[in-house]
């Protein structure tokens, strides 16, 4: 469990960065007020930091590729991951990049009591190696999903701005533009909000 927690706490920008105060105590038996104050404050600082760390661990979860995991009102599973420098858009010109796109096909199930949609701010792509994060390329993702929902008339897919009914699993593509040096094996899909986060491995 240590590795997944370090991954989430390491680069998810919405997780609070913890600064642990380490006090170096004197080996002498000084009874001055200054020494007494340091001794009294030391456990308070460590306890506070420890409580914050424990809280973040409880609110951070990680899941393997193909493993379904719930975060807030969504149950999410990463089905497939591909790398490309071109996104096909049906009749339109393809979207290209000098870098590369990471296409992540996910299955999402709404676990709430009423229809709801997700937003681009609910997902980020993280690099476990250099701790960098990347936001969704909404335009590329929208075009890719339109090919499925409109051109292919695939009812098993849905668009970002579609309301998804409760307990009806559907698939969608999440697209991120990253440097050519980005290694998918070091990547993790981050889902959640300011309170709860989950990481989904890509390999």
C-alpha atoms as a PDB file:
ATOM      1  CA  UNK A   1       0.000   0.000   0.000  1.00  0.00           C
ATOM      2  CA  UNK A   2       3.004   2.317   0.498  1.00  0.00           C
ATOM      3  CA  UNK A   3       3.753   2.699  -3.206  1.00  0.00           C
ATOM      4  CA  UNK A   4       0.236   3.719  -4.276  1.00  0.00           C
ATOM      5  CA  UNK A   5      -0.003   6.229  -1.445  1.00  0.00           C
ATOM      6  CA  UNK A   6       3.343   7.785  -2.358  1.00  0.00           C
ATOM      7  CA  UNK A   7       2.216   8.047  -5.969  1.00  0.00           C
ATOM      8  CA  UNK A   8      -0.978   9.883  -5.134  1.00  0.00           C
ATOM      9  CA  UNK A   9       0.556  12.147  -2.480  1.00  0.00           C
ATOM     10  CA  UNK A  10       3.609  12.788  -4.659  1.00  0.00           C
ATOM     11  CA  UNK A  11       2.121  14.649  -7.600  1.00  0.00           C
ATOM     12  CA  UNK A  12      -1.661  15.196  -7.266  1.00  0.00           C
ATOM     13  CA  UNK A  13      -1.738  18.964  -7.001  1.00  0.00           C
ATOM     14  CA  UNK A  14      -4.965  18.988  -5.021  1.00  0.00           C
ATOM     15  CA  UNK A  15      -3.465  16.942  -2.167  1.00  0.00           C
ATOM     16  CA  UNK A  16      -1.968  19.025   0.639  1.00  0.00           C
ATOM     17  CA  UNK A  17       1.839  18.970   0.777  1.00  0.00           C
ATOM     18  CA  UNK A  18       2.979  17.847   4.190  1.00  0.00           C
ATOM     19  CA  UNK A  19       5.876  19.441   6.005  1.00  0.00           C
ATOM     20  CA  UNK A  20       6.990  17.395   8.970  1.00  0.00           C
ATOM     21  CA  UNK A  21       8.777  19.425  11.641  1.00  0.00           C
ATOM     22  CA  UNK A  22      11.749  17.570  13.073  1.00  0.00           C
ATOM     23  CA  UNK A  23      13.144  18.932  16.313  1.00  0.00           C
ATOM     24  CA  UNK A  24      16.576  17.889  17.486  1.00  0.00           C
ATOM     25  CA  UNK A  25      16.497  17.501  21.246  1.00  0.00           C
ATOM     26  CA  UNK A  26      19.355  18.165  23.591  1.00  0.00           C
ATOM     27  CA  UNK A  27      20.848  15.258  25.508  1.00  0.00           C
ATOM     28  CA  UNK A  28      21.361  17.399  28.616  1.00  0.00           C
ATOM     29  CA  UNK A  29      19.016  17.831  31.565  1.00  0.00           C
ATOM     30  CA  UNK A  30      18.491  21.597  31.190  1.00  0.00           C
ATOM     31  CA  UNK A  31      15.448  22.927  33.005  1.00  0.00           C
ATOM     32  CA  UNK A  32      15.226  26.280  31.237  1.00  0.00           C
ATOM     33  CA  UNK A  33      11.921  27.613  29.946  1.00  0.00           C
ATOM     34  CA  UNK A  34      13.201  27.479  26.351  1.00  0.00           C
ATOM     35  CA  UNK A  35      13.968  23.765  26.590  1.00  0.00           C
ATOM     36  CA  UNK A  36      10.648  23.087  28.265  1.00  0.00           C
ATOM     37  CA  UNK A  37       8.795  24.967  25.511  1.00  0.00           C
ATOM     38  CA  UNK A  38      10.542  23.026  22.732  1.00  0.00           C
ATOM     39  CA  UNK A  39       9.837  19.741  24.485  1.00  0.00           C
ATOM     40  CA  UNK A  40       6.192  20.671  24.886  1.00  0.00           C
ATOM     41  CA  UNK A  41       5.703  21.813  21.283  1.00  0.00           C
ATOM     42  CA  UNK A  42       7.521  18.939  19.576  1.00  0.00           C
ATOM     43  CA  UNK A  43       4.859  16.217  19.999  1.00  0.00           C
ATOM     44  CA  UNK A  44       2.122  18.703  19.062  1.00  0.00           C
ATOM     45  CA  UNK A  45       3.774  19.448  15.697  1.00  0.00           C
ATOM     46  CA  UNK A  46       4.366  15.791  14.905  1.00  0.00           C
ATOM     47  CA  UNK A  47       0.847  14.810  15.944  1.00  0.00           C
ATOM     48  CA  UNK A  48      -0.691  17.485  13.715  1.00  0.00           C
ATOM     49  CA  UNK A  49       1.388  16.465  10.696  1.00  0.00           C
ATOM     50  CA  UNK A  50       0.674  12.794  11.354  1.00  0.00           C
ATOM     51  CA  UNK A  51      -3.064  13.447  11.475  1.00  0.00           C
ATOM     52  CA  UNK A  52      -2.935  15.285   8.136  1.00  0.00           C
ATOM     53  CA  UNK A  53      -0.944  12.460   6.543  1.00  0.00           C
ATOM     54  CA  UNK A  54      -3.338   9.822   7.863  1.00  0.00           C
ATOM     55  CA  UNK A  55      -6.296  11.823   6.550  1.00  0.00           C
ATOM     56  CA  UNK A  56      -4.763  12.094   3.069  1.00  0.00           C
ATOM     57  CA  UNK A  57      -4.011   8.370   3.015  1.00  0.00           C
ATOM     58  CA  UNK A  58      -7.630   7.566   3.805  1.00  0.00           C
ATOM     59  CA  UNK A  59      -8.829   9.853   0.986  1.00  0.00           C
ATOM     60  CA  UNK A  60      -6.412   8.472  -1.649  1.00  0.00           C
ATOM     61  CA  UNK A  61      -6.979   5.175  -3.453  1.00  0.00           C
ATOM     62  CA  UNK A  62      -5.206   3.374  -6.299  1.00  0.00           C
ATOM     63  CA  UNK A  63      -6.383   0.696  -8.717  1.00  0.00           C
ATOM     64  CA  UNK A  64      -4.646  -1.623 -11.159  1.00  0.00           C
ATOM     65  CA  UNK A  65      -5.232  -1.577 -14.909  1.00  0.00           C
ATOM     66  CA  UNK A  66      -8.596  -3.210 -15.548  1.00  0.00           C
ATOM     67  CA  UNK A  67      -9.641  -2.973 -11.909  1.00  0.00           C
ATOM     68  CA  UNK A  68     -12.859  -1.103 -11.203  1.00  0.00           C
ATOM     69  CA  UNK A  69     -12.698   1.432  -8.419  1.00  0.00           C
ATOM     70  CA  UNK A  70     -15.134   3.998  -7.076  1.00  0.00           C
ATOM     71  CA  UNK A  71     -14.329   7.643  -6.465  1.00  0.00           C
ATOM     72  CA  UNK A  72     -17.149   9.839  -5.193  1.00  0.00           C
ATOM     73  CA  UNK A  73     -20.259   9.094  -7.327  1.00  0.00           C
ATOM     74  CA  UNK A  74     -18.344   7.370 -10.133  1.00  0.00           C
ATOM     75  CA  UNK A  75     -17.140   3.816 -10.572  1.00  0.00           C
ATOM     76  CA  UNK A  76     -14.254   3.868 -13.067  1.00  0.00           C
ATOM     77  CA  UNK A  77     -12.243   1.204 -14.866  1.00  0.00           C
ATOM     78  CA  UNK A  78      -9.366   1.755 -17.323  1.00  0.00           C
ATOM     79  CA  UNK A  79      -9.979  -0.585 -20.267  1.00  0.00           C
ATOM     80  CA  UNK A  80      -7.261   0.314 -22.764  1.00  0.00           C
ATOM     81  CA  UNK A  81      -4.389   2.765 -23.274  1.00  0.00           C
ATOM     82  CA  UNK A  82      -2.885   3.778 -26.620  1.00  0.00           C
ATOM     83  CA  UNK A  83      -0.294   6.297 -27.811  1.00  0.00           C
ATOM     84  CA  UNK A  84      -0.559   8.192 -31.095  1.00  0.00           C
ATOM     85  CA  UNK A  85       0.242  11.535 -32.699  1.00  0.00           C
ATOM     86  CA  UNK A  86      -3.032  11.674 -34.623  1.00  0.00           C
ATOM     87  CA  UNK A  87      -6.676  11.658 -33.527  1.00  0.00           C
ATOM     88  CA  UNK A  88      -9.131  10.646 -36.248  1.00  0.00           C
ATOM     89  CA  UNK A  89     -12.211  12.869 -36.382  1.00  0.00           C
ATOM     90  CA  UNK A  90     -14.464  11.218 -38.946  1.00  0.00           C
ATOM     91  CA  UNK A  91     -15.052  13.520 -41.918  1.00  0.00           C
ATOM     92  CA  UNK A  92     -12.959  16.346 -40.455  1.00  0.00           C
ATOM     93  CA  UNK A  93      -9.204  16.667 -40.691  1.00  0.00           C
ATOM     94  CA  UNK A  94      -7.442  14.644 -37.999  1.00  0.00           C
ATOM     95  CA  UNK A  95      -6.059  16.394 -34.950  1.00  0.00           C
ATOM     96  CA  UNK A  96      -2.280  16.021 -34.899  1.00  0.00           C
ATOM     97  CA  UNK A  97       0.562  16.889 -32.548  1.00  0.00           C
ATOM     98  CA  UNK A  98       4.334  17.120 -32.724  1.00  0.00           C
ATOM     99  CA  UNK A  99       4.367  15.459 -29.310  1.00  0.00           C
ATOM    100  CA  UNK A 100       1.969  12.571 -28.658  1.00  0.00           C
ATOM    101  CA  UNK A 101      -1.513  11.806 -27.406  1.00  0.00           C
ATOM    102  CA  UNK A 102      -2.302   9.256 -24.726  1.00  0.00           C
ATOM    103  CA  UNK A 103      -5.777   7.814 -25.391  1.00  0.00           C
ATOM    104  CA  UNK A 104      -7.337   6.203 -22.352  1.00  0.00           C
ATOM    105  CA  UNK A 105     -10.544   4.240 -22.829  1.00  0.00           C
ATOM    106  CA  UNK A 106     -12.455   4.047 -19.579  1.00  0.00           C
ATOM    107  CA  UNK A 107     -15.735   2.583 -18.417  1.00  0.00           C
ATOM    108  CA  UNK A 108     -17.703   4.855 -16.114  1.00  0.00           C
ATOM    109  CA  UNK A 109     -20.772   4.059 -14.029  1.00  0.00           C
ATOM    110  CA  UNK A 110     -22.830   6.705 -12.293  1.00  0.00           C
ATOM    111  CA  UNK A 111     -23.430   5.556  -8.708  1.00  0.00           C
ATOM    112  CA  UNK A 112     -25.528   8.566  -7.732  1.00  0.00           C
ATOM    113  CA  UNK A 113     -29.311   8.616  -7.430  1.00  0.00           C
ATOM    114  CA  UNK A 114     -29.886  10.834 -10.472  1.00  0.00           C
ATOM    115  CA  UNK A 115     -28.311  11.516 -13.905  1.00  0.00           C
ATOM    116  CA  UNK A 116     -25.018  13.383 -13.847  1.00  0.00           C
ATOM    117  CA  UNK A 117     -22.056  14.305 -16.030  1.00  0.00           C
ATOM    118  CA  UNK A 118     -18.349  14.593 -15.381  1.00  0.00           C
ATOM    119  CA  UNK A 119     -16.176  17.607 -16.156  1.00  0.00           C
ATOM    120  CA  UNK A 120     -12.666  17.956 -17.543  1.00  0.00           C
ATOM    121  CA  UNK A 121     -11.513  19.061 -14.098  1.00  0.00           C
ATOM    122  CA  UNK A 122     -12.302  15.618 -12.684  1.00  0.00           C
ATOM    123  CA  UNK A 123      -9.329  14.004 -14.458  1.00  0.00           C
ATOM    124  CA  UNK A 124      -5.599  14.556 -14.785  1.00  0.00           C
ATOM    125  CA  UNK A 125      -2.729  12.421 -16.055  1.00  0.00           C
ATOM    126  CA  UNK A 126       0.226  12.089 -13.719  1.00  0.00           C
ATOM    127  CA  UNK A 127       3.803  10.981 -14.267  1.00  0.00           C
ATOM    128  CA  UNK A 128       5.071   8.934 -11.332  1.00  0.00           C
ATOM    129  CA  UNK A 129       8.697   9.468 -12.365  1.00  0.00           C
ATOM    130  CA  UNK A 130       8.972  13.266 -12.569  1.00  0.00           C
ATOM    131  CA  UNK A 131       5.747  14.110 -10.675  1.00  0.00           C
ATOM    132  CA  UNK A 132       4.371  16.259 -13.531  1.00  0.00           C
ATOM    133  CA  UNK A 133       0.628  16.381 -14.251  1.00  0.00           C
ATOM    134  CA  UNK A 134      -1.291  16.984 -17.485  1.00  0.00           C
ATOM    135  CA  UNK A 135      -4.827  18.197 -18.106  1.00  0.00           C
ATOM    136  CA  UNK A 136      -7.335  16.715 -20.535  1.00  0.00           C
ATOM    137  CA  UNK A 137      -7.305  17.718 -24.193  1.00  0.00           C
ATOM    138  CA  UNK A 138     -11.075  18.205 -24.319  1.00  0.00           C
ATOM    139  CA  UNK A 139     -11.241  18.953 -28.057  1.00  0.00           C
ATOM    140  CA  UNK A 140      -9.390  15.789 -29.060  1.00  0.00           C
ATOM    141  CA  UNK A 141     -11.415  13.693 -26.629  1.00  0.00           C
ATOM    142  CA  UNK A 142     -14.711  15.140 -27.853  1.00  0.00           C
ATOM    143  CA  UNK A 143     -13.894  14.405 -31.502  1.00  0.00           C
ATOM    144  CA  UNK A 144     -12.770  10.877 -30.712  1.00  0.00           C
ATOM    145  CA  UNK A 145     -15.963  10.161 -28.785  1.00  0.00           C
ATOM    146  CA  UNK A 146     -18.141  11.736 -31.485  1.00  0.00           C
ATOM    147  CA  UNK A 147     -16.762   9.195 -33.957  1.00  0.00           C
ATOM    148  CA  UNK A 148     -18.109   6.456 -31.688  1.00  0.00           C
ATOM    149  CA  UNK A 149     -21.409   8.036 -30.629  1.00  0.00           C
ATOM    150  CA  UNK A 150     -22.391   9.757 -33.897  1.00  0.00           C
ATOM    151  CA  UNK A 151     -20.501   8.207 -36.824  1.00  0.00           C
ATOM    152  CA  UNK A 152     -20.545   4.647 -35.498  1.00  0.00           C
ATOM    153  CA  UNK A 153     -23.864   5.058 -33.658  1.00  0.00           C
ATOM    154  CA  UNK A 154     -22.316   3.240 -30.712  1.00  0.00           C
ATOM    155  CA  UNK A 155     -24.713   3.543 -27.777  1.00  0.00           C
ATOM    156  CA  UNK A 156     -22.085   2.050 -25.498  1.00  0.00           C
ATOM    157  CA  UNK A 157     -20.149   5.349 -25.560  1.00  0.00           C
ATOM    158  CA  UNK A 158     -21.017   8.758 -24.161  1.00  0.00           C
ATOM    159  CA  UNK A 159     -19.700  12.316 -24.444  1.00  0.00           C
ATOM    160  CA  UNK A 160     -18.253  14.425 -21.654  1.00  0.00           C
ATOM    161  CA  UNK A 161     -21.306  16.682 -21.520  1.00  0.00           C
ATOM    162  CA  UNK A 162     -23.857  13.859 -21.625  1.00  0.00           C
ATOM    163  CA  UNK A 163     -25.827  13.116 -18.480  1.00  0.00           C
ATOM    164  CA  UNK A 164     -25.250   9.482 -17.592  1.00  0.00           C
ATOM    165  CA  UNK A 165     -28.113   7.631 -15.918  1.00  0.00           C
ATOM    166  CA  UNK A 166     -27.443   5.773 -12.663  1.00  0.00           C
ATOM    167  CA  UNK A 167     -26.046   2.229 -12.878  1.00  0.00           C
ATOM    168  CA  UNK A 168     -25.700   2.235 -16.685  1.00  0.00           C
ATOM    169  CA  UNK A 169     -22.009   1.578 -17.485  1.00  0.00           C
ATOM    170  CA  UNK A 170     -20.750   3.357 -20.597  1.00  0.00           C
ATOM    171  CA  UNK A 171     -17.370   3.956 -22.167  1.00  0.00           C
ATOM    172  CA  UNK A 172     -15.585   7.144 -23.113  1.00  0.00           C
ATOM    173  CA  UNK A 173     -12.137   8.248 -24.276  1.00  0.00           C
ATOM    174  CA  UNK A 174      -9.952  10.555 -22.204  1.00  0.00           C
ATOM    175  CA  UNK A 175      -7.169  12.154 -24.256  1.00  0.00           C
ATOM    176  CA  UNK A 176      -4.032  13.848 -22.947  1.00  0.00           C
ATOM    177  CA  UNK A 177      -1.287  15.552 -24.943  1.00  0.00           C
ATOM    178  CA  UNK A 178       2.120  14.770 -23.445  1.00  0.00           C
ATOM    179  CA  UNK A 179       5.810  15.017 -24.434  1.00  0.00           C
ATOM    180  CA  UNK A 180       7.194  12.258 -26.639  1.00  0.00           C
ATOM    181  CA  UNK A 181       9.412  11.254 -23.711  1.00  0.00           C
ATOM    182  CA  UNK A 182       6.370  10.392 -21.569  1.00  0.00           C
ATOM    183  CA  UNK A 183       6.420   6.705 -20.645  1.00  0.00           C
ATOM    184  CA  UNK A 184       2.956   5.191 -20.234  1.00  0.00           C
ATOM    185  CA  UNK A 185       4.392   2.712 -17.743  1.00  0.00           C
ATOM    186  CA  UNK A 186       5.065   5.690 -15.454  1.00  0.00           C
ATOM    187  CA  UNK A 187       1.596   7.152 -15.970  1.00  0.00           C
ATOM    188  CA  UNK A 188      -1.426   7.122 -13.707  1.00  0.00           C
ATOM    189  CA  UNK A 189      -4.895   8.495 -14.387  1.00  0.00           C
ATOM    190  CA  UNK A 190      -5.959  10.728 -11.501  1.00  0.00           C
ATOM    191  CA  UNK A 191      -9.661  11.144 -10.788  1.00  0.00           C
ATOM    192  CA  UNK A 192     -11.483  13.040  -8.083  1.00  0.00           C
ATOM    193  CA  UNK A 193     -11.819  16.469  -6.521  1.00  0.00           C
ATOM    194  CA  UNK A 194     -10.398  18.592  -3.710  1.00  0.00           C
ATOM    195  CA  UNK A 195     -11.532  16.094  -1.089  1.00  0.00           C
ATOM    196  CA  UNK A 196     -11.003  12.619  -2.577  1.00  0.00           C
ATOM    197  CA  UNK A 197      -8.630  11.333  -5.247  1.00  0.00           C
ATOM    198  CA  UNK A 198      -8.005   7.983  -6.896  1.00  0.00           C
ATOM    199  CA  UNK A 199      -5.225   6.777  -9.163  1.00  0.00           C
ATOM    200  CA  UNK A 200      -5.679   4.242 -11.977  1.00  0.00           C
ATOM    201  CA  UNK A 201      -2.529   2.617 -13.347  1.00  0.00           C
ATOM    202  CA  UNK A 202      -2.051   2.537 -17.124  1.00  0.00           C
ATOM    203  CA  UNK A 203       0.192  -0.548 -17.186  1.00  0.00           C
END
